[in-house]
Amino acid sequence: MKIHLDQNPSDDDIQKVVDGLMRYGLNEINNEKPTKCALVLKKDDQVIGGAVCKAHVGQFYLDYLWVSEKYRSNGYGSLLHKNVLEMAKEHKTSCIWVQTLNPRAVLFYKSTGYNEIGVIPNYVEGFNLHHLQLKF
């Protein structure tokens, strides 16, 4: 067998590595796949915000929450988060996990009841990665 390390792999080869790891990980947790969830906030058919989440093995992950800069400070982030919380409860989870590099987002999440679980300093040069959890 010839082994070759490819430092410039194709997208297809990269996907095979990702798929292999996902299969292995899913086998470890009884093949339970994440359930994807999303909310989109529209004004006059224009997307002005949204949230992308997933439920997995009793946990709920808020991957992205965004409001267009033009519409910030109008309660839309809180509205989205309220609906994310309802989705998490519908999936019978007891907490929401979120990660962010944005210090303003940390303040927002803390204002809605999240606790900071940990911080990875200088995760990206000049930015700390914050891990937060909301229990309910």
N, C-alpha and C. Protein backbone atom coordinates (compact mmCIF):
# COMPACT_ATOMS: atom_id res chain seq x y z
N MET A 1 0.85 -1.17 0.00
CA MET A 1 0.00 0.00 0.00
C MET A 1 0.90 1.24 0.00
N LYS A 2 0.57 2.18 -0.85
CA LYS A 2 1.33 3.41 -0.94
C LYS A 2 0.55 4.52 -0.22
N ILE A 3 1.19 5.19 0.71
CA ILE A 3 0.59 6.30 1.45
C ILE A 3 1.07 7.60 0.84
N HIS A 4 0.14 8.52 0.61
CA HIS A 4 0.48 9.83 0.04
C HIS A 4 -0.23 10.91 0.84
N LEU A 5 0.51 11.89 1.30
CA LEU A 5 -0.08 13.03 1.99
C LEU A 5 -0.31 14.14 0.97
N ASP A 6 -1.56 14.48 0.76
CA ASP A 6 -1.92 15.52 -0.21
C ASP A 6 -2.20 16.81 0.54
N GLN A 7 -1.35 17.81 0.35
CA GLN A 7 -1.52 19.08 1.04
C GLN A 7 -2.47 20.02 0.31
N ASN A 8 -2.98 19.59 -0.82
CA ASN A 8 -3.94 20.38 -1.58
C ASN A 8 -5.05 19.46 -2.08
N PRO A 9 -5.80 18.84 -1.13
CA PRO A 9 -6.81 17.86 -1.53
C PRO A 9 -8.00 18.52 -2.23
N SER A 10 -8.69 17.71 -3.01
CA SER A 10 -9.90 18.18 -3.69
C SER A 10 -11.03 18.33 -2.67
N ASP A 11 -12.05 19.09 -3.04
CA ASP A 11 -13.23 19.23 -2.18
C ASP A 11 -13.86 17.87 -1.91
N ASP A 12 -13.86 17.00 -2.93
CA ASP A 12 -14.43 15.66 -2.78
C ASP A 12 -13.65 14.84 -1.74
N ASP A 13 -12.32 14.92 -1.78
CA ASP A 13 -11.51 14.19 -0.80
C ASP A 13 -11.73 14.74 0.61
N ILE A 14 -11.83 16.04 0.73
CA ILE A 14 -12.10 16.65 2.04
C ILE A 14 -13.45 16.16 2.57
N GLN A 15 -14.46 16.13 1.70
CA GLN A 15 -15.79 15.68 2.12
C GLN A 15 -15.76 14.23 2.58
N LYS A 16 -14.94 13.39 1.95
CA LYS A 16 -14.82 11.99 2.37
C LYS A 16 -14.27 11.90 3.79
N VAL A 17 -13.32 12.76 4.13
CA VAL A 17 -12.77 12.77 5.49
C VAL A 17 -13.85 13.21 6.48
N VAL A 18 -14.57 14.28 6.14
CA VAL A 18 -15.65 14.78 7.01
C VAL A 18 -16.72 13.71 7.19
N ASP A 19 -17.14 13.09 6.09
CA ASP A 19 -18.18 12.05 6.16
C ASP A 19 -17.72 10.87 7.01
N GLY A 20 -16.45 10.48 6.86
CA GLY A 20 -15.94 9.37 7.66
C GLY A 20 -15.96 9.68 9.14
N LEU A 21 -15.56 10.88 9.50
CA LEU A 21 -15.58 11.28 10.90
C LEU A 21 -17.02 11.35 11.42
N MET A 22 -17.92 11.89 10.61
CA MET A 22 -19.33 11.98 11.03
C MET A 22 -19.92 10.59 11.25
N ARG A 23 -19.64 9.65 10.35
CA ARG A 23 -20.13 8.27 10.53
C ARG A 23 -19.61 7.68 11.83
N TYR A 24 -18.32 7.87 12.08
CA TYR A 24 -17.72 7.36 13.31
C TYR A 24 -18.39 7.99 14.53
N GLY A 25 -18.52 9.30 14.52
CA GLY A 25 -19.13 10.00 15.65
C GLY A 25 -20.57 9.60 15.86
N LEU A 26 -21.34 9.46 14.77
CA LEU A 26 -22.74 9.05 14.90
C LEU A 26 -22.85 7.64 15.46
N ASN A 27 -21.94 6.75 15.07
CA ASN A 27 -21.95 5.40 15.64
C ASN A 27 -21.74 5.44 17.15
N GLU A 28 -20.92 6.37 17.61
CA GLU A 28 -20.64 6.49 19.04
C GLU A 28 -21.88 6.94 19.82
N ILE A 29 -22.80 7.63 19.16
CA ILE A 29 -24.00 8.14 19.84
C ILE A 29 -25.27 7.54 19.23
N ASN A 30 -25.21 6.27 18.91
CA ASN A 30 -26.38 5.52 18.44
C ASN A 30 -27.02 6.08 17.17
N ASN A 31 -26.21 6.61 16.28
CA ASN A 31 -26.66 7.10 14.97
C ASN A 31 -27.70 8.21 15.04
N GLU A 32 -27.76 8.93 16.13
CA GLU A 32 -28.70 10.06 16.21
C GLU A 32 -28.10 11.25 15.48
N LYS A 33 -28.76 11.65 14.40
CA LYS A 33 -28.27 12.77 13.61
C LYS A 33 -28.85 14.08 14.15
N PRO A 34 -28.11 15.18 14.01
CA PRO A 34 -28.63 16.47 14.45
C PRO A 34 -29.88 16.86 13.66
N THR A 35 -30.81 17.51 14.34
CA THR A 35 -31.99 18.07 13.69
C THR A 35 -31.73 19.55 13.47
N LYS A 36 -31.72 19.96 12.22
CA LYS A 36 -31.46 21.36 11.90
C LYS A 36 -32.73 22.18 12.06
N CYS A 37 -32.58 23.40 12.56
CA CYS A 37 -33.70 24.31 12.77
C CYS A 37 -33.26 25.70 12.31
N ALA A 38 -34.21 26.47 11.83
CA ALA A 38 -33.87 27.84 11.42
C ALA A 38 -35.10 28.73 11.52
N LEU A 39 -34.83 29.99 11.74
CA LEU A 39 -35.85 31.04 11.72
C LEU A 39 -35.33 32.13 10.80
N VAL A 40 -36.21 32.69 10.00
CA VAL A 40 -35.83 33.81 9.14
C VAL A 40 -36.79 34.95 9.43
N LEU A 41 -36.24 36.12 9.67
CA LEU A 41 -37.01 37.32 9.95
C LEU A 41 -37.03 38.16 8.68
N LYS A 42 -38.23 38.45 8.17
CA LYS A 42 -38.36 39.20 6.93
C LYS A 42 -39.18 40.46 7.13
N LYS A 43 -38.82 41.48 6.38
CA LYS A 43 -39.62 42.70 6.30
C LYS A 43 -39.80 42.99 4.82
N ASP A 44 -41.05 43.03 4.37
CA ASP A 44 -41.34 43.25 2.95
C ASP A 44 -40.56 42.29 2.05
N ASP A 45 -40.59 41.02 2.40
CA ASP A 45 -39.91 39.95 1.65
C ASP A 45 -38.39 40.05 1.63
N GLN A 46 -37.82 40.94 2.43
CA GLN A 46 -36.37 41.06 2.53
C GLN A 46 -35.92 40.43 3.85
N VAL A 47 -34.93 39.55 3.79
CA VAL A 47 -34.39 38.93 5.00
C VAL A 47 -33.61 39.99 5.77
N ILE A 48 -34.05 40.23 7.02
CA ILE A 48 -33.37 41.21 7.87
C ILE A 48 -32.73 40.56 9.10
N GLY A 49 -32.90 39.25 9.23
CA GLY A 49 -32.30 38.56 10.36
C GLY A 49 -32.67 37.10 10.36
N GLY A 50 -32.11 36.39 11.32
CA GLY A 50 -32.45 34.98 11.42
C GLY A 50 -31.59 34.26 12.44
N ALA A 51 -31.93 33.01 12.63
CA ALA A 51 -31.21 32.14 13.55
C ALA A 51 -31.09 30.76 12.92
N VAL A 52 -29.94 30.14 13.09
CA VAL A 52 -29.69 28.78 12.61
C VAL A 52 -29.26 27.97 13.82
N CYS A 53 -29.95 26.85 14.05
CA CYS A 53 -29.75 26.05 15.26
C CYS A 53 -29.74 24.57 14.90
N LYS A 54 -29.43 23.77 15.91
CA LYS A 54 -29.60 22.32 15.77
C LYS A 54 -29.85 21.71 17.14
N ALA A 55 -30.64 20.65 17.14
CA ALA A 55 -30.87 19.85 18.34
C ALA A 55 -30.15 18.53 18.12
N HIS A 56 -29.45 18.07 19.18
CA HIS A 56 -28.68 16.84 19.03
C HIS A 56 -28.42 16.23 20.39
N VAL A 57 -28.76 14.98 20.52
CA VAL A 57 -28.59 14.19 21.74
C VAL A 57 -28.92 14.99 23.01
N GLY A 58 -30.12 15.55 23.02
CA GLY A 58 -30.61 16.25 24.19
C GLY A 58 -30.07 17.64 24.40
N GLN A 59 -29.28 18.13 23.47
CA GLN A 59 -28.70 19.47 23.56
C GLN A 59 -29.24 20.33 22.42
N PHE A 60 -29.24 21.64 22.62
CA PHE A 60 -29.68 22.57 21.58
C PHE A 60 -28.57 23.58 21.36
N TYR A 61 -28.18 23.76 20.11
CA TYR A 61 -27.06 24.63 19.76
C TYR A 61 -27.55 25.78 18.89
N LEU A 62 -27.30 26.99 19.33
CA LEU A 62 -27.59 28.18 18.54
C LEU A 62 -26.30 28.51 17.80
N ASP A 63 -26.27 28.16 16.51
CA ASP A 63 -25.05 28.34 15.73
C ASP A 63 -24.89 29.77 15.23
N TYR A 64 -26.00 30.37 14.81
CA TYR A 64 -25.95 31.73 14.27
C TYR A 64 -27.21 32.48 14.67
N LEU A 65 -27.05 33.71 15.11
CA LEU A 65 -28.17 34.62 15.31
C LEU A 65 -27.71 35.96 14.77
N TRP A 66 -28.47 36.50 13.82
CA TRP A 66 -28.04 37.71 13.12
C TRP A 66 -29.23 38.61 12.85
N VAL A 67 -29.02 39.90 13.01
CA VAL A 67 -29.98 40.93 12.62
C VAL A 67 -29.21 41.96 11.80
N SER A 68 -29.75 42.33 10.65
CA SER A 68 -29.12 43.33 9.80
C SER A 68 -28.85 44.59 10.60
N GLU A 69 -27.70 45.18 10.37
CA GLU A 69 -27.28 46.36 11.14
C GLU A 69 -28.35 47.45 11.15
N LYS A 70 -29.02 47.63 10.04
CA LYS A 70 -30.06 48.66 9.91
C LYS A 70 -31.21 48.45 10.90
N TYR A 71 -31.44 47.20 11.30
CA TYR A 71 -32.61 46.87 12.14
C TYR A 71 -32.23 46.52 13.58
N ARG A 72 -30.98 46.69 13.94
CA ARG A 72 -30.56 46.38 15.31
C ARG A 72 -31.11 47.41 16.29
N SER A 73 -31.15 47.03 17.55
CA SER A 73 -31.65 47.88 18.65
C SER A 73 -33.14 48.17 18.52
N ASN A 74 -33.86 47.28 17.85
CA ASN A 74 -35.32 47.39 17.72
C ASN A 74 -36.04 46.19 18.32
N GLY A 75 -35.31 45.34 19.04
CA GLY A 75 -35.91 44.18 19.68
C GLY A 75 -35.98 42.93 18.82
N TYR A 76 -35.44 42.99 17.60
CA TYR A 76 -35.52 41.83 16.72
C TYR A 76 -34.64 40.67 17.20
N GLY A 77 -33.48 40.98 17.75
CA GLY A 77 -32.62 39.92 18.31
C GLY A 77 -33.32 39.21 19.45
N SER A 78 -33.97 39.97 20.31
CA SER A 78 -34.72 39.37 21.42
C SER A 78 -35.89 38.55 20.91
N LEU A 79 -36.57 39.04 19.88
CA LEU A 79 -37.68 38.29 19.28
C LEU A 79 -37.18 36.96 18.71
N LEU A 80 -36.09 37.01 17.98
CA LEU A 80 -35.53 35.78 17.43
C LEU A 80 -35.14 34.83 18.56
N HIS A 81 -34.47 35.37 19.58
CA HIS A 81 -34.02 34.51 20.67
C HIS A 81 -35.19 33.88 21.40
N LYS A 82 -36.26 34.63 21.61
CA LYS A 82 -37.45 34.08 22.26
C LYS A 82 -37.97 32.87 21.48
N ASN A 83 -37.98 32.97 20.16
CA ASN A 83 -38.44 31.86 19.33
C ASN A 83 -37.45 30.71 19.31
N VAL A 84 -36.15 31.00 19.39
CA VAL A 84 -35.14 29.95 19.51
C VAL A 84 -35.37 29.17 20.80
N LEU A 85 -35.64 29.88 21.89
CA LEU A 85 -35.91 29.23 23.17
C LEU A 85 -37.12 28.31 23.07
N GLU A 86 -38.17 28.75 22.39
CA GLU A 86 -39.35 27.90 22.20
C GLU A 86 -39.01 26.66 21.39
N MET A 87 -38.19 26.82 20.34
CA MET A 87 -37.78 25.65 19.55
C MET A 87 -37.00 24.67 20.42
N ALA A 88 -36.10 25.19 21.25
CA ALA A 88 -35.30 24.32 22.12
C ALA A 88 -36.21 23.53 23.05
N LYS A 89 -37.23 24.19 23.58
CA LYS A 89 -38.17 23.49 24.47
C LYS A 89 -38.98 22.45 23.71
N GLU A 90 -39.39 22.78 22.48
CA GLU A 90 -40.14 21.82 21.66
C GLU A 90 -39.31 20.56 21.39
N HIS A 91 -38.00 20.71 21.32
CA HIS A 91 -37.12 19.56 21.11
C HIS A 91 -36.77 18.86 22.41
N LYS A 92 -37.44 19.26 23.49
CA LYS A 92 -37.28 18.63 24.81
C LYS A 92 -35.84 18.68 25.31
N THR A 93 -35.19 19.81 25.07
CA THR A 93 -33.86 20.03 25.61
C THR A 93 -33.98 20.92 26.85
N SER A 94 -32.93 20.97 27.63
CA SER A 94 -32.98 21.75 28.87
C SER A 94 -31.99 22.91 28.88
N CYS A 95 -31.31 23.10 27.75
CA CYS A 95 -30.38 24.23 27.68
C CYS A 95 -30.08 24.57 26.22
N ILE A 96 -29.54 25.75 26.03
CA ILE A 96 -29.05 26.20 24.72
C ILE A 96 -27.58 26.53 24.88
N TRP A 97 -26.78 26.07 23.94
CA TRP A 97 -25.35 26.38 23.90
C TRP A 97 -25.08 27.36 22.77
N VAL A 98 -24.17 28.30 23.00
CA VAL A 98 -23.78 29.24 21.96
C VAL A 98 -22.30 29.57 22.11
N GLN A 99 -21.65 29.80 20.99
CA GLN A 99 -20.25 30.26 20.97
C GLN A 99 -20.19 31.54 20.16
N THR A 100 -19.36 32.48 20.60
CA THR A 100 -19.22 33.71 19.83
C THR A 100 -17.86 34.34 20.07
N LEU A 101 -17.40 35.05 19.07
CA LEU A 101 -16.18 35.85 19.17
C LEU A 101 -16.52 37.31 19.45
N ASN A 102 -17.79 37.67 19.32
CA ASN A 102 -18.24 39.06 19.36
C ASN A 102 -18.55 39.51 20.79
N PRO A 103 -17.80 40.47 21.32
CA PRO A 103 -18.05 40.94 22.69
C PRO A 103 -19.46 41.53 22.88
N ARG A 104 -20.01 42.18 21.86
CA ARG A 104 -21.38 42.71 21.97
C ARG A 104 -22.39 41.57 22.05
N ALA A 105 -22.12 40.49 21.33
CA ALA A 105 -23.01 39.33 21.40
C ALA A 105 -22.96 38.70 22.79
N VAL A 106 -21.77 38.67 23.40
CA VAL A 106 -21.65 38.13 24.76
C VAL A 106 -22.56 38.92 25.70
N LEU A 107 -22.54 40.24 25.59
CA LEU A 107 -23.41 41.08 26.43
C LEU A 107 -24.88 40.79 26.17
N PHE A 108 -25.24 40.62 24.90
CA PHE A 108 -26.63 40.29 24.55
C PHE A 108 -27.04 38.97 25.19
N TYR A 109 -26.23 37.94 25.01
CA TYR A 109 -26.59 36.62 25.56
C TYR A 109 -26.66 36.65 27.08
N LYS A 110 -25.72 37.33 27.72
CA LYS A 110 -25.77 37.43 29.18
C LYS A 110 -27.03 38.17 29.63
N SER A 111 -27.46 39.17 28.86
CA SER A 111 -28.67 39.92 29.22
C SER A 111 -29.94 39.08 29.10
N THR A 112 -29.86 37.98 28.33
CA THR A 112 -31.01 37.10 28.19
C THR A 112 -30.92 35.88 29.10
N GLY A 113 -29.91 35.86 29.99
CA GLY A 113 -29.84 34.81 31.00
C GLY A 113 -28.75 33.77 30.83
N TYR A 114 -27.94 33.90 29.80
CA TYR A 114 -26.86 32.93 29.59
C TYR A 114 -25.76 33.11 30.64
N ASN A 115 -25.10 32.01 30.96
CA ASN A 115 -23.90 32.03 31.80
C ASN A 115 -22.71 31.69 30.92
N GLU A 116 -21.62 32.39 31.15
CA GLU A 116 -20.40 32.09 30.41
C GLU A 116 -19.75 30.87 31.05
N ILE A 117 -19.57 29.83 30.25
CA ILE A 117 -19.01 28.57 30.72
C ILE A 117 -17.50 28.56 30.59
N GLY A 118 -17.00 29.20 29.55
CA GLY A 118 -15.56 29.22 29.34
C GLY A 118 -15.17 30.19 28.25
N VAL A 119 -13.89 30.52 28.23
CA VAL A 119 -13.34 31.44 27.23
C VAL A 119 -12.02 30.87 26.73
N ILE A 120 -11.84 30.86 25.43
CA ILE A 120 -10.55 30.51 24.85
C ILE A 120 -9.91 31.83 24.41
N PRO A 121 -8.88 32.26 25.14
CA PRO A 121 -8.27 33.55 24.82
C PRO A 121 -7.58 33.54 23.46
N ASN A 122 -7.70 34.66 22.76
CA ASN A 122 -7.00 34.87 21.50
C ASN A 122 -7.22 33.73 20.51
N TYR A 123 -8.45 33.22 20.47
CA TYR A 123 -8.82 32.11 19.57
C TYR A 123 -8.53 32.49 18.13
N VAL A 124 -8.93 33.70 17.78
CA VAL A 124 -8.53 34.35 16.54
C VAL A 124 -7.80 35.60 16.99
N GLU A 125 -6.70 35.91 16.38
CA GLU A 125 -5.88 37.02 16.88
C GLU A 125 -6.73 38.24 17.23
N GLY A 126 -6.68 38.60 18.50
CA GLY A 126 -7.42 39.76 18.98
C GLY A 126 -8.82 39.46 19.46
N PHE A 127 -9.26 38.21 19.34
CA PHE A 127 -10.62 37.84 19.73
C PHE A 127 -10.62 36.59 20.59
N ASN A 128 -11.40 36.63 21.65
CA ASN A 128 -11.60 35.46 22.51
C ASN A 128 -12.85 34.72 22.05
N LEU A 129 -12.84 33.40 22.18
CA LEU A 129 -14.01 32.59 21.88
C LEU A 129 -14.75 32.31 23.18
N HIS A 130 -15.99 32.79 23.26
CA HIS A 130 -16.81 32.65 24.46
C HIS A 130 -17.80 31.51 24.29
N HIS A 131 -17.88 30.64 25.28
CA HIS A 131 -18.85 29.56 25.32
C HIS A 131 -19.89 29.91 26.38
N LEU A 132 -21.16 29.97 25.97
CA LEU A 132 -22.22 30.35 26.89
C LEU A 132 -23.33 29.30 26.88
N GLN A 133 -24.05 29.23 28.00
CA GLN A 133 -25.13 28.25 28.14
C GLN A 133 -26.31 28.92 28.83
N LEU A 134 -27.50 28.63 28.31
CA LEU A 134 -28.74 29.06 28.95
C LEU A 134 -29.48 27.81 29.39
N LYS A 135 -29.65 27.65 30.70
CA LYS A 135 -30.43 26.53 31.23
C LYS A 135 -31.85 26.98 31.47
N PHE A 136 -32.79 26.07 31.24
CA PHE A 136 -34.21 26.39 31.49
C PHE A 136 -34.94 25.17 31.98
